[in-house]
Amino acid sequence: MYRAIYGDKPNEGYANALRNLSVAYHDLDINDKGKKETEEAVARYRAIYEDKPNESYANALNSLGTTYHDLNIKDKGRKEMEDAVAMYKALDVDKSNKGYAVALNNLATLNINGKG
């Protein structure tokens, strides 16, 4: 429905729907299917917010970084997770925030394993 209405135009509701779909794919362990939706959601958030911090945008960056990591795509994922952490910090989000906690954990895991 969003695709029919907005096409390629950036829209936060559309970006949210894409991210939710990608999270569902991730939860079902179909990461390769959710990658496209997550990349599209990040692109739409980027078009809307540019470099301005936004929690939904940070969540999408974290999801994309996680997807790249889960699919073992070398040299991808670290930047998205670093950007997400920086955005959560800029928003002064409490570290108990689920998205922020996951991003910090994912980034720490990459640092420990030397991947990303």
PDB file of N, CA and C in Angstrom:
ATOM      1  N   MET A   1       0.823  -1.189   0.000  1.00  0.00           N
ATOM      2  CA  MET A   1       0.000   0.000   0.000  1.00  0.00           C
ATOM      3  C   MET A   1       0.875   1.264   0.000  1.00  0.00           C
ATOM      4  N   TYR A   2       1.857   1.325   0.928  1.00  0.00           N
ATOM      5  CA  TYR A   2       2.755   2.481   0.961  1.00  0.00           C
ATOM      6  C   TYR A   2       3.481   2.633  -0.365  1.00  0.00           C
ATOM      7  N   ARG A   3       3.933   1.516  -0.921  1.00  0.00           N
ATOM      8  CA  ARG A   3       4.667   1.555  -2.188  1.00  0.00           C
ATOM      9  C   ARG A   3       3.800   2.159  -3.286  1.00  0.00           C
ATOM     10  N   ALA A   4       2.533   1.793  -3.310  1.00  0.00           N
ATOM     11  CA  ALA A   4       1.624   2.322  -4.328  1.00  0.00           C
ATOM     12  C   ALA A   4       1.391   3.822  -4.134  1.00  0.00           C
ATOM     13  N   ILE A   5       1.339   4.256  -2.894  1.00  0.00           N
ATOM     14  CA  ILE A   5       1.061   5.664  -2.609  1.00  0.00           C
ATOM     15  C   ILE A   5       2.295   6.540  -2.782  1.00  0.00           C
ATOM     16  N   TYR A   6       3.427   6.109  -2.217  1.00  0.00           N
ATOM     17  CA  TYR A   6       4.608   6.974  -2.160  1.00  0.00           C
ATOM     18  C   TYR A   6       5.683   6.664  -3.197  1.00  0.00           C
ATOM     19  N   GLY A   7       5.651   5.480  -3.774  1.00  0.00           N
ATOM     20  CA  GLY A   7       6.681   5.135  -4.759  1.00  0.00           C
ATOM     21  C   GLY A   7       8.066   5.319  -4.178  1.00  0.00           C
ATOM     22  N   ASP A   8       8.884   6.153  -4.807  1.00  0.00           N
ATOM     23  CA  ASP A   8      10.250   6.402  -4.339  1.00  0.00           C
ATOM     24  C   ASP A   8      10.361   7.596  -3.405  1.00  0.00           C
ATOM     25  N   LYS A   9       9.234   8.267  -3.120  1.00  0.00           N
ATOM     26  CA  LYS A   9       9.285   9.436  -2.250  1.00  0.00           C
ATOM     27  C   LYS A   9       9.528   9.015  -0.806  1.00  0.00           C
ATOM     28  N   PRO A  10      10.392   9.744  -0.090  1.00  0.00           N
ATOM     29  CA  PRO A  10      10.634   9.416   1.319  1.00  0.00           C
ATOM     30  C   PRO A  10       9.387   9.682   2.162  1.00  0.00           C
ATOM     31  N   ASN A  11       9.049   8.750   3.000  1.00  0.00           N
ATOM     32  CA  ASN A  11       7.923   8.886   3.914  1.00  0.00           C
ATOM     33  C   ASN A  11       8.238   8.066   5.151  1.00  0.00           C
ATOM     34  N   GLU A  12       8.101   8.666   6.339  1.00  0.00           N
ATOM     35  CA  GLU A  12       8.484   7.973   7.565  1.00  0.00           C
ATOM     36  C   GLU A  12       7.619   6.740   7.828  1.00  0.00           C
ATOM     37  N   GLY A  13       6.330   6.821   7.566  1.00  0.00           N
ATOM     38  CA  GLY A  13       5.459   5.657   7.760  1.00  0.00           C
ATOM     39  C   GLY A  13       5.887   4.492   6.881  1.00  0.00           C
ATOM     40  N   TYR A  14       6.236   4.809   5.647  1.00  0.00           N
ATOM     41  CA  TYR A  14       6.713   3.788   4.707  1.00  0.00           C
ATOM     42  C   TYR A  14       8.031   3.195   5.204  1.00  0.00           C
ATOM     43  N   ALA A  15       8.947   4.063   5.642  1.00  0.00           N
ATOM     44  CA  ALA A  15      10.230   3.587   6.162  1.00  0.00           C
ATOM     45  C   ALA A  15      10.016   2.699   7.387  1.00  0.00           C
ATOM     46  N   ASN A  16       9.104   3.101   8.269  1.00  0.00           N
ATOM     47  CA  ASN A  16       8.798   2.285   9.456  1.00  0.00           C
ATOM     48  C   ASN A  16       8.255   0.916   9.065  1.00  0.00           C
ATOM     49  N   ALA A  17       7.376   0.898   8.083  1.00  0.00           N
ATOM     50  CA  ALA A  17       6.796  -0.377   7.629  1.00  0.00           C
ATOM     51  C   ALA A  17       7.872  -1.287   7.039  1.00  0.00           C
ATOM     52  N   LEU A  18       8.779  -0.716   6.259  1.00  0.00           N
ATOM     53  CA  LEU A  18       9.877  -1.501   5.683  1.00  0.00           C
ATOM     54  C   LEU A  18      10.762  -2.077   6.778  1.00  0.00           C
ATOM     55  N   ARG A  19      11.076  -1.247   7.785  1.00  0.00           N
ATOM     56  CA  ARG A  19      11.918  -1.730   8.878  1.00  0.00           C
ATOM     57  C   ARG A  19      11.205  -2.832   9.652  1.00  0.00           C
ATOM     58  N   ASN A  20       9.912  -2.651   9.912  1.00  0.00           N
ATOM     59  CA  ASN A  20       9.154  -3.687  10.627  1.00  0.00           C
ATOM     60  C   ASN A  20       9.146  -4.997   9.855  1.00  0.00           C
ATOM     61  N   LEU A  21       9.029  -4.911   8.538  1.00  0.00           N
ATOM     62  CA  LEU A  21       9.071  -6.112   7.711  1.00  0.00           C
ATOM     63  C   LEU A  21      10.447  -6.774   7.798  1.00  0.00           C
ATOM     64  N   SER A  22      11.491  -5.960   7.775  1.00  0.00           N
ATOM     65  CA  SER A  22      12.836  -6.531   7.865  1.00  0.00           C
ATOM     66  C   SER A  22      13.071  -7.184   9.223  1.00  0.00           C
ATOM     67  N   VAL A  23      12.523  -6.605  10.292  1.00  0.00           N
ATOM     68  CA  VAL A  23      12.643  -7.204  11.632  1.00  0.00           C
ATOM     69  C   VAL A  23      11.912  -8.553  11.661  1.00  0.00           C
ATOM     70  N   ALA A  24      10.762  -8.615  11.020  1.00  0.00           N
ATOM     71  CA  ALA A  24      10.012  -9.882  10.967  1.00  0.00           C
ATOM     72  C   ALA A  24      10.825 -10.953  10.231  1.00  0.00           C
ATOM     73  N   TYR A  25      11.443 -10.567   9.102  1.00  0.00           N
ATOM     74  CA  TYR A  25      12.289 -11.517   8.376  1.00  0.00           C
ATOM     75  C   TYR A  25      13.445 -11.991   9.264  1.00  0.00           C
ATOM     76  N   HIS A  26      14.047 -11.036  10.009  1.00  0.00           N
ATOM     77  CA  HIS A  26      15.157 -11.376  10.895  1.00  0.00           C
ATOM     78  C   HIS A  26      14.690 -12.354  11.971  1.00  0.00           C
ATOM     79  N   ASP A  27      13.532 -12.076  12.558  1.00  0.00           N
ATOM     80  CA  ASP A  27      12.995 -12.949  13.604  1.00  0.00           C
ATOM     81  C   ASP A  27      12.697 -14.349  13.083  1.00  0.00           C
ATOM     82  N   LEU A  28      12.380 -14.443  11.800  1.00  0.00           N
ATOM     83  CA  LEU A  28      12.114 -15.737  11.180  1.00  0.00           C
ATOM     84  C   LEU A  28      13.385 -16.371  10.606  1.00  0.00           C
ATOM     85  N   ASP A  29      14.514 -15.720  10.834  1.00  0.00           N
ATOM     86  CA  ASP A  29      15.809 -16.184  10.325  1.00  0.00           C
ATOM     87  C   ASP A  29      15.871 -16.201   8.797  1.00  0.00           C
ATOM     88  N   ILE A  30      15.224 -15.220   8.181  1.00  0.00           N
ATOM     89  CA  ILE A  30      15.273 -15.080   6.719  1.00  0.00           C
ATOM     90  C   ILE A  30      15.989 -13.758   6.427  1.00  0.00           C
ATOM     91  N   ASN A  31      17.238 -13.658   6.899  1.00  0.00           N
ATOM     92  CA  ASN A  31      17.980 -12.397   6.827  1.00  0.00           C
ATOM     93  C   ASN A  31      18.232 -11.923   5.407  1.00  0.00           C
ATOM     94  N   ASP A  32      18.460 -12.862   4.488  1.00  0.00           N
ATOM     95  CA  ASP A  32      18.731 -12.457   3.119  1.00  0.00           C
ATOM     96  C   ASP A  32      17.521 -11.763   2.510  1.00  0.00           C
ATOM     97  N   LYS A  33      16.324 -12.133   2.919  1.00  0.00           N
ATOM     98  CA  LYS A  33      15.101 -11.509   2.406  1.00  0.00           C
ATOM     99  C   LYS A  33      14.922 -10.102   2.988  1.00  0.00           C
ATOM    100  N   GLY A  34      15.262  -9.907   4.263  1.00  0.00           N
ATOM    101  CA  GLY A  34      15.067  -8.618   4.917  1.00  0.00           C
ATOM    102  C   GLY A  34      16.105  -7.571   4.578  1.00  0.00           C
ATOM    103  N   LYS A  35      17.225  -7.983   4.011  1.00  0.00           N
ATOM    104  CA  LYS A  35      18.312  -7.055   3.694  1.00  0.00           C
ATOM    105  C   LYS A  35      17.837  -5.925   2.785  1.00  0.00           C
ATOM    106  N   LYS A  36      17.122  -6.253   1.742  1.00  0.00           N
ATOM    107  CA  LYS A  36      16.650  -5.256   0.769  1.00  0.00           C
ATOM    108  C   LYS A  36      15.728  -4.239   1.444  1.00  0.00           C
ATOM    109  N   GLU A  37      14.801  -4.725   2.272  1.00  0.00           N
ATOM    110  CA  GLU A  37      13.865  -3.834   2.953  1.00  0.00           C
ATOM    111  C   GLU A  37      14.585  -2.922   3.936  1.00  0.00           C
ATOM    112  N   THR A  38      15.580  -3.478   4.643  1.00  0.00           N
ATOM    113  CA  THR A  38      16.322  -2.681   5.619  1.00  0.00           C
ATOM    114  C   THR A  38      17.138  -1.604   4.911  1.00  0.00           C
ATOM    115  N   GLU A  39      17.783  -1.962   3.814  1.00  0.00           N
ATOM    116  CA  GLU A  39      18.539  -0.972   3.040  1.00  0.00           C
ATOM    117  C   GLU A  39      17.615   0.130   2.524  1.00  0.00           C
ATOM    118  N   GLU A  40      16.431  -0.255   2.067  1.00  0.00           N
ATOM    119  CA  GLU A  40      15.474   0.728   1.571  1.00  0.00           C
ATOM    120  C   GLU A  40      14.957   1.624   2.691  1.00  0.00           C
ATOM    121  N   ALA A  41      14.714   1.050   3.868  1.00  0.00           N
ATOM    122  CA  ALA A  41      14.259   1.845   5.013  1.00  0.00           C
ATOM    123  C   ALA A  41      15.328   2.869   5.399  1.00  0.00           C
ATOM    124  N   VAL A  42      16.587   2.437   5.472  1.00  0.00           N
ATOM    125  CA  VAL A  42      17.678   3.355   5.821  1.00  0.00           C
ATOM    126  C   VAL A  42      17.777   4.476   4.789  1.00  0.00           C
ATOM    127  N   ALA A  43      17.653   4.140   3.520  1.00  0.00           N
ATOM    128  CA  ALA A  43      17.726   5.157   2.468  1.00  0.00           C
ATOM    129  C   ALA A  43      16.603   6.181   2.616  1.00  0.00           C
ATOM    130  N   ARG A  44      15.413   5.723   2.969  1.00  0.00           N
ATOM    131  CA  ARG A  44      14.288   6.648   3.147  1.00  0.00           C
ATOM    132  C   ARG A  44      14.478   7.532   4.377  1.00  0.00           C
ATOM    133  N   TYR A  45      14.929   6.930   5.494  1.00  0.00           N
ATOM    134  CA  TYR A  45      15.214   7.746   6.679  1.00  0.00           C
ATOM    135  C   TYR A  45      16.302   8.768   6.368  1.00  0.00           C
ATOM    136  N   ARG A  46      17.338   8.352   5.643  1.00  0.00           N
ATOM    137  CA  ARG A  46      18.440   9.251   5.288  1.00  0.00           C
ATOM    138  C   ARG A  46      17.905  10.419   4.458  1.00  0.00           C
ATOM    139  N   ALA A  47      17.007  10.144   3.534  1.00  0.00           N
ATOM    140  CA  ALA A  47      16.435  11.204   2.705  1.00  0.00           C
ATOM    141  C   ALA A  47      15.596  12.175   3.539  1.00  0.00           C
ATOM    142  N   ILE A  48      14.932  11.659   4.565  1.00  0.00           N
ATOM    143  CA  ILE A  48      14.086  12.503   5.413  1.00  0.00           C
ATOM    144  C   ILE A  48      14.921  13.306   6.403  1.00  0.00           C
ATOM    145  N   TYR A  49      15.837  12.642   7.097  1.00  0.00           N
ATOM    146  CA  TYR A  49      16.550  13.258   8.219  1.00  0.00           C
ATOM    147  C   TYR A  49      17.972  13.701   7.905  1.00  0.00           C
ATOM    148  N   GLU A  50      18.511  13.289   6.763  1.00  0.00           N
ATOM    149  CA  GLU A  50      19.903  13.546   6.403  1.00  0.00           C
ATOM    150  C   GLU A  50      20.789  13.091   7.557  1.00  0.00           C
ATOM    151  N   ASP A  51      21.519  13.992   8.201  1.00  0.00           N
ATOM    152  CA  ASP A  51      22.393  13.600   9.304  1.00  0.00           C
ATOM    153  C   ASP A  51      21.814  13.969  10.665  1.00  0.00           C
ATOM    154  N   LYS A  52      20.552  14.407  10.691  1.00  0.00           N
ATOM    155  CA  LYS A  52      19.927  14.765  11.969  1.00  0.00           C
ATOM    156  C   LYS A  52      19.574  13.498  12.737  1.00  0.00           C
ATOM    157  N   PRO A  53      19.906  13.456  14.030  1.00  0.00           N
ATOM    158  CA  PRO A  53      19.590  12.265  14.832  1.00  0.00           C
ATOM    159  C   PRO A  53      18.081  12.028  14.932  1.00  0.00           C
ATOM    160  N   ASN A  54      17.698  10.776  14.777  1.00  0.00           N
ATOM    161  CA  ASN A  54      16.312  10.360  14.907  1.00  0.00           C
ATOM    162  C   ASN A  54      16.326   8.912  15.379  1.00  0.00           C
ATOM    163  N   GLU A  55      15.508   8.589  16.376  1.00  0.00           N
ATOM    164  CA  GLU A  55      15.560   7.247  16.949  1.00  0.00           C
ATOM    165  C   GLU A  55      15.142   6.163  15.958  1.00  0.00           C
ATOM    166  N   SER A  56      14.146   6.412  15.149  1.00  0.00           N
ATOM    167  CA  SER A  56      13.737   5.412  14.147  1.00  0.00           C
ATOM    168  C   SER A  56      14.850   5.177  13.138  1.00  0.00           C
ATOM    169  N   TYR A  57      15.515   6.259  12.747  1.00  0.00           N
ATOM    170  CA  TYR A  57      16.645   6.167  11.815  1.00  0.00           C
ATOM    171  C   TYR A  57      17.775   5.361  12.461  1.00  0.00           C
ATOM    172  N   ALA A  58      18.063   5.640  13.738  1.00  0.00           N
ATOM    173  CA  ALA A  58      19.103   4.894  14.460  1.00  0.00           C
ATOM    174  C   ALA A  58      18.742   3.414  14.548  1.00  0.00           C
ATOM    175  N   ASN A  59      17.482   3.109  14.819  1.00  0.00           N
ATOM    176  CA  ASN A  59      17.036   1.713  14.885  1.00  0.00           C
ATOM    177  C   ASN A  59      17.222   1.020  13.540  1.00  0.00           C
ATOM    178  N   ALA A  60      16.920   1.723  12.457  1.00  0.00           N
ATOM    179  CA  ALA A  60      17.072   1.137  11.122  1.00  0.00           C
ATOM    180  C   ALA A  60      18.550   0.905  10.796  1.00  0.00           C
ATOM    181  N   LEU A  61      19.419   1.859  11.157  1.00  0.00           N
ATOM    182  CA  LEU A  61      20.854   1.671  10.941  1.00  0.00           C
ATOM    183  C   LEU A  61      21.353   0.452  11.716  1.00  0.00           C
ATOM    184  N   ASN A  62      20.889   0.320  12.949  1.00  0.00           N
ATOM    185  CA  ASN A  62      21.277  -0.825  13.769  1.00  0.00           C
ATOM    186  C   ASN A  62      20.784  -2.126  13.139  1.00  0.00           C
ATOM    187  N   SER A  63      19.555  -2.129  12.649  1.00  0.00           N
ATOM    188  CA  SER A  63      19.011  -3.325  11.985  1.00  0.00           C
ATOM    189  C   SER A  63      19.825  -3.695  10.762  1.00  0.00           C
ATOM    190  N   LEU A  64      20.217  -2.682   9.989  1.00  0.00           N
ATOM    191  CA  LEU A  64      20.992  -2.947   8.774  1.00  0.00           C
ATOM    192  C   LEU A  64      22.373  -3.493   9.135  1.00  0.00           C
ATOM    193  N   GLY A  65      23.005  -2.901  10.134  1.00  0.00           N
ATOM    194  CA  GLY A  65      24.303  -3.410  10.582  1.00  0.00           C
ATOM    195  C   GLY A  65      24.207  -4.838  11.059  1.00  0.00           C
ATOM    196  N   THR A  66      23.152  -5.142  11.797  1.00  0.00           N
ATOM    197  CA  THR A  66      22.921  -6.506  12.300  1.00  0.00           C
ATOM    198  C   THR A  66      22.691  -7.471  11.143  1.00  0.00           C
ATOM    199  N   THR A  67      21.917  -7.046  10.152  1.00  0.00           N
ATOM    200  CA  THR A  67      21.637  -7.892   8.989  1.00  0.00           C
ATOM    201  C   THR A  67      22.928  -8.217   8.239  1.00  0.00           C
ATOM    202  N   TYR A  68      23.746  -7.192   7.991  1.00  0.00           N
ATOM    203  CA  TYR A  68      25.029  -7.432   7.312  1.00  0.00           C
ATOM    204  C   TYR A  68      25.874  -8.413   8.118  1.00  0.00           C
ATOM    205  N   HIS A  69      25.901  -8.227   9.440  1.00  0.00           N
ATOM    206  CA  HIS A  69      26.692  -9.105  10.300  1.00  0.00           C
ATOM    207  C   HIS A  69      26.158 -10.538  10.232  1.00  0.00           C
ATOM    208  N   ASP A  70      24.833 -10.690  10.332  1.00  0.00           N
ATOM    209  CA  ASP A  70      24.226 -12.020  10.307  1.00  0.00           C
ATOM    210  C   ASP A  70      24.455 -12.732   8.975  1.00  0.00           C
ATOM    211  N   LEU A  71      24.524 -11.962   7.905  1.00  0.00           N
ATOM    212  CA  LEU A  71      24.760 -12.543   6.581  1.00  0.00           C
ATOM    213  C   LEU A  71      26.256 -12.687   6.286  1.00  0.00           C
ATOM    214  N   ASN A  72      27.084 -12.287   7.260  1.00  0.00           N
ATOM    215  CA  ASN A  72      28.535 -12.392   7.148  1.00  0.00           C
ATOM    216  C   ASN A  72      29.066 -11.646   5.921  1.00  0.00           C
ATOM    217  N   ILE A  73      28.532 -10.437   5.703  1.00  0.00           N
ATOM    218  CA  ILE A  73      28.988  -9.599   4.599  1.00  0.00           C
ATOM    219  C   ILE A  73      30.155  -8.766   5.128  1.00  0.00           C
ATOM    220  N   LYS A  74      31.355  -9.157   4.738  1.00  0.00           N
ATOM    221  CA  LYS A  74      32.560  -8.508   5.247  1.00  0.00           C
ATOM    222  C   LYS A  74      32.583  -7.030   4.880  1.00  0.00           C
ATOM    223  N   ASP A  75      33.168  -6.263   5.753  1.00  0.00           N
ATOM    224  CA  ASP A  75      33.342  -4.823   5.572  1.00  0.00           C
ATOM    225  C   ASP A  75      32.032  -4.050   5.534  1.00  0.00           C
ATOM    226  N   LYS A  76      30.960  -4.679   5.939  1.00  0.00           N
ATOM    227  CA  LYS A  76      29.682  -3.966   6.040  1.00  0.00           C
ATOM    228  C   LYS A  76      29.114  -4.243   7.417  1.00  0.00           C
ATOM    229  N   GLY A  77      28.429  -3.278   7.949  1.00  0.00           N
ATOM    230  CA  GLY A  77      27.773  -3.449   9.236  1.00  0.00           C
ATOM    231  C   GLY A  77      28.372  -2.593  10.334  1.00  0.00           C
ATOM    232  N   ARG A  78      29.697  -2.539  10.390  1.00  0.00           N
ATOM    233  CA  ARG A  78      30.343  -1.759  11.456  1.00  0.00           C
ATOM    234  C   ARG A  78      29.954  -0.281  11.366  1.00  0.00           C
ATOM    235  N   LYS A  79      30.052   0.303  10.185  1.00  0.00           N
ATOM    236  CA  LYS A  79      29.748   1.736  10.031  1.00  0.00           C
ATOM    237  C   LYS A  79      28.303   2.021  10.419  1.00  0.00           C
ATOM    238  N   GLU A  80      27.382   1.166  10.000  1.00  0.00           N
ATOM    239  CA  GLU A  80      25.975   1.380  10.333  1.00  0.00           C
ATOM    240  C   GLU A  80      25.762   1.332  11.849  1.00  0.00           C
ATOM    241  N   MET A  81      26.416   0.356  12.509  1.00  0.00           N
ATOM    242  CA  MET A  81      26.272   0.244  13.963  1.00  0.00           C
ATOM    243  C   MET A  81      26.932   1.422  14.675  1.00  0.00           C
ATOM    244  N   GLU A  82      28.106   1.855  14.177  1.00  0.00           N
ATOM    245  CA  GLU A  82      28.763   3.027  14.764  1.00  0.00           C
ATOM    246  C   GLU A  82      27.890   4.266  14.594  1.00  0.00           C
ATOM    247  N   ASP A  83      27.297   4.428  13.414  1.00  0.00           N
ATOM    248  CA  ASP A  83      26.399   5.564  13.173  1.00  0.00           C
ATOM    249  C   ASP A  83      25.179   5.503  14.086  1.00  0.00           C
ATOM    250  N   ALA A  84      24.647   4.299  14.289  1.00  0.00           N
ATOM    251  CA  ALA A  84      23.486   4.140  15.172  1.00  0.00           C
ATOM    252  C   ALA A  84      23.851   4.528  16.601  1.00  0.00           C
ATOM    253  N   VAL A  85      24.989   4.044  17.096  1.00  0.00           N
ATOM    254  CA  VAL A  85      25.426   4.378  18.458  1.00  0.00           C
ATOM    255  C   VAL A  85      25.622   5.887  18.591  1.00  0.00           C
ATOM    256  N   ALA A  86      26.264   6.503  17.609  1.00  0.00           N
ATOM    257  CA  ALA A  86      26.478   7.954  17.647  1.00  0.00           C
ATOM    258  C   ALA A  86      25.144   8.701  17.658  1.00  0.00           C
ATOM    259  N   MET A  87      24.183   8.204  16.905  1.00  0.00           N
ATOM    260  CA  MET A  87      22.879   8.850  16.848  1.00  0.00           C
ATOM    261  C   MET A  87      22.138   8.711  18.178  1.00  0.00           C
ATOM    262  N   TYR A  88      22.193   7.505  18.773  1.00  0.00           N
ATOM    263  CA  TYR A  88      21.571   7.319  20.090  1.00  0.00           C
ATOM    264  C   TYR A  88      22.211   8.261  21.109  1.00  0.00           C
ATOM    265  N   LYS A  89      23.547   8.404  21.062  1.00  0.00           N
ATOM    266  CA  LYS A  89      24.250   9.305  21.986  1.00  0.00           C
ATOM    267  C   LYS A  89      23.804  10.740  21.759  1.00  0.00           C
ATOM    268  N   ALA A  90      23.715  11.152  20.504  1.00  0.00           N
ATOM    269  CA  ALA A  90      23.297  12.522  20.186  1.00  0.00           C
ATOM    270  C   ALA A  90      21.873  12.801  20.669  1.00  0.00           C
ATOM    271  N   LEU A  91      21.049  11.766  20.660  1.00  0.00           N
ATOM    272  CA  LEU A  91      19.660  11.905  21.136  1.00  0.00           C
ATOM    273  C   LEU A  91      19.580  11.835  22.656  1.00  0.00           C
ATOM    274  N   ASP A  92      20.728  11.553  23.294  1.00  0.00           N
ATOM    275  CA  ASP A  92      20.793  11.395  24.750  1.00  0.00           C
ATOM    276  C   ASP A  92      19.823  10.315  25.223  1.00  0.00           C
ATOM    277  N   VAL A  93      19.782   9.224  24.464  1.00  0.00           N
ATOM    278  CA  VAL A  93      18.918   8.090  24.788  1.00  0.00           C
ATOM    279  C   VAL A  93      19.530   7.327  25.963  1.00  0.00           C
ATOM    280  N   ASP A  94      18.697   6.932  26.899  1.00  0.00           N
ATOM    281  CA  ASP A  94      19.152   6.157  28.052  1.00  0.00           C
ATOM    282  C   ASP A  94      19.707   4.819  27.564  1.00  0.00           C
ATOM    283  N   LYS A  95      20.796   4.356  28.191  1.00  0.00           N
ATOM    284  CA  LYS A  95      21.428   3.111  27.749  1.00  0.00           C
ATOM    285  C   LYS A  95      20.543   1.893  27.974  1.00  0.00           C
ATOM    286  N   SER A  96      19.448   2.061  28.725  1.00  0.00           N
ATOM    287  CA  SER A  96      18.511   0.946  28.895  1.00  0.00           C
ATOM    288  C   SER A  96      17.557   0.834  27.701  1.00  0.00           C
ATOM    289  N   ASN A  97      17.599   1.817  26.798  1.00  0.00           N
ATOM    290  CA  ASN A  97      16.803   1.767  25.574  1.00  0.00           C
ATOM    291  C   ASN A  97      17.218   0.530  24.787  1.00  0.00           C
ATOM    292  N   LYS A  98      16.237  -0.280  24.389  1.00  0.00           N
ATOM    293  CA  LYS A  98      16.534  -1.568  23.742  1.00  0.00           C
ATOM    294  C   LYS A  98      17.408  -1.413  22.492  1.00  0.00           C
ATOM    295  N   GLY A  99      17.058  -0.486  21.616  1.00  0.00           N
ATOM    296  CA  GLY A  99      17.836  -0.292  20.392  1.00  0.00           C
ATOM    297  C   GLY A  99      19.269   0.111  20.680  1.00  0.00           C
ATOM    298  N   TYR A 100      19.438   1.028  21.632  1.00  0.00           N
ATOM    299  CA  TYR A 100      20.776   1.493  22.001  1.00  0.00           C
ATOM    300  C   TYR A 100      21.580   0.349  22.611  1.00  0.00           C
ATOM    301  N   ALA A 101      20.959  -0.410  23.505  1.00  0.00           N
ATOM    302  CA  ALA A 101      21.642  -1.539  24.148  1.00  0.00           C
ATOM    303  C   ALA A 101      22.073  -2.575  23.110  1.00  0.00           C
ATOM    304  N   VAL A 102      21.206  -2.867  22.167  1.00  0.00           N
ATOM    305  CA  VAL A 102      21.527  -3.839  21.118  1.00  0.00           C
ATOM    306  C   VAL A 102      22.676  -3.318  20.249  1.00  0.00           C
ATOM    307  N   ALA A 103      22.623  -2.031  19.890  1.00  0.00           N
ATOM    308  CA  ALA A 103      23.681  -1.456  19.058  1.00  0.00           C
ATOM    309  C   ALA A 103      25.027  -1.496  19.780  1.00  0.00           C
ATOM    310  N   LEU A 104      25.033  -1.134  21.068  1.00  0.00           N
ATOM    311  CA  LEU A 104      26.276  -1.189  21.845  1.00  0.00           C
ATOM    312  C   LEU A 104      26.805  -2.617  21.922  1.00  0.00           C
ATOM    313  N   ASN A 105      25.905  -3.564  22.160  1.00  0.00           N
ATOM    314  CA  ASN A 105      26.300  -4.971  22.246  1.00  0.00           C
ATOM    315  C   ASN A 105      26.846  -5.475  20.907  1.00  0.00           C
ATOM    316  N   ASN A 106      26.150  -5.151  19.825  1.00  0.00           N
ATOM    317  CA  ASN A 106      26.595  -5.596  18.503  1.00  0.00           C
ATOM    318  C   ASN A 106      27.965  -5.016  18.163  1.00  0.00           C
ATOM    319  N   LEU A 107      28.160  -3.741  18.473  1.00  0.00           N
ATOM    320  CA  LEU A 107      29.436  -3.105  18.181  1.00  0.00           C
ATOM    321  C   LEU A 107      30.536  -3.711  19.041  1.00  0.00           C
ATOM    322  N   ALA A 108      30.250  -3.974  20.297  1.00  0.00           N
ATOM    323  CA  ALA A 108      31.240  -4.611  21.173  1.00  0.00           C
ATOM    324  C   ALA A 108      31.607  -5.995  20.648  1.00  0.00           C
ATOM    325  N   THR A 109      30.613  -6.736  20.182  1.00  0.00           N
ATOM    326  CA  THR A 109      30.853  -8.076  19.631  1.00  0.00           C
ATOM    327  C   THR A 109      31.757  -8.001  18.405  1.00  0.00           C
ATOM    328  N   LEU A 110      31.499  -7.019  17.537  1.00  0.00           N
ATOM    329  CA  LEU A 110      32.359  -6.842  16.362  1.00  0.00           C
ATOM    330  C   LEU A 110      33.783  -6.506  16.783  1.00  0.00           C
ATOM    331  N   ASN A 111      33.912  -5.663  17.795  1.00  0.00           N
ATOM    332  CA  ASN A 111      35.248  -5.267  18.259  1.00  0.00           C
ATOM    333  C   ASN A 111      35.992  -6.449  18.859  1.00  0.00           C
ATOM    334  N   ILE A 112      35.283  -7.288  19.595  1.00  0.00           N
ATOM    335  CA  ILE A 112      35.916  -8.457  20.207  1.00  0.00           C
ATOM    336  C   ILE A 112      36.334  -9.484  19.156  1.00  0.00           C
ATOM    337  N   ASN A 113      35.436  -9.695  18.183  1.00  0.00           N
ATOM    338  CA  ASN A 113      35.696 -10.701  17.155  1.00  0.00           C
ATOM    339  C   ASN A 113      36.535 -10.159  15.992  1.00  0.00           C
ATOM    340  N   GLY A 114      36.703  -8.835  15.966  1.00  0.00           N
ATOM    341  CA  GLY A 114      37.487  -8.234  14.891  1.00  0.00           C
ATOM    342  C   GLY A 114      36.840  -8.340  13.536  1.00  0.00           C
ATOM    343  N   LYS A 115      35.491  -8.395  13.522  1.00  0.00           N
ATOM    344  CA  LYS A 115      34.768  -8.514  12.255  1.00  0.00           C
ATOM    345  C   LYS A 115      34.070  -7.202  11.944  1.00  0.00           C
ATOM    346  N   GLY A 116      33.511  -7.119  10.751  1.00  0.00           N
ATOM    347  CA  GLY A 116      32.681  -5.979  10.406  1.00  0.00           C
ATOM    348  C   GLY A 116      33.301  -5.070   9.411  1.00  0.00           C
TER     349      GLY A 116
END
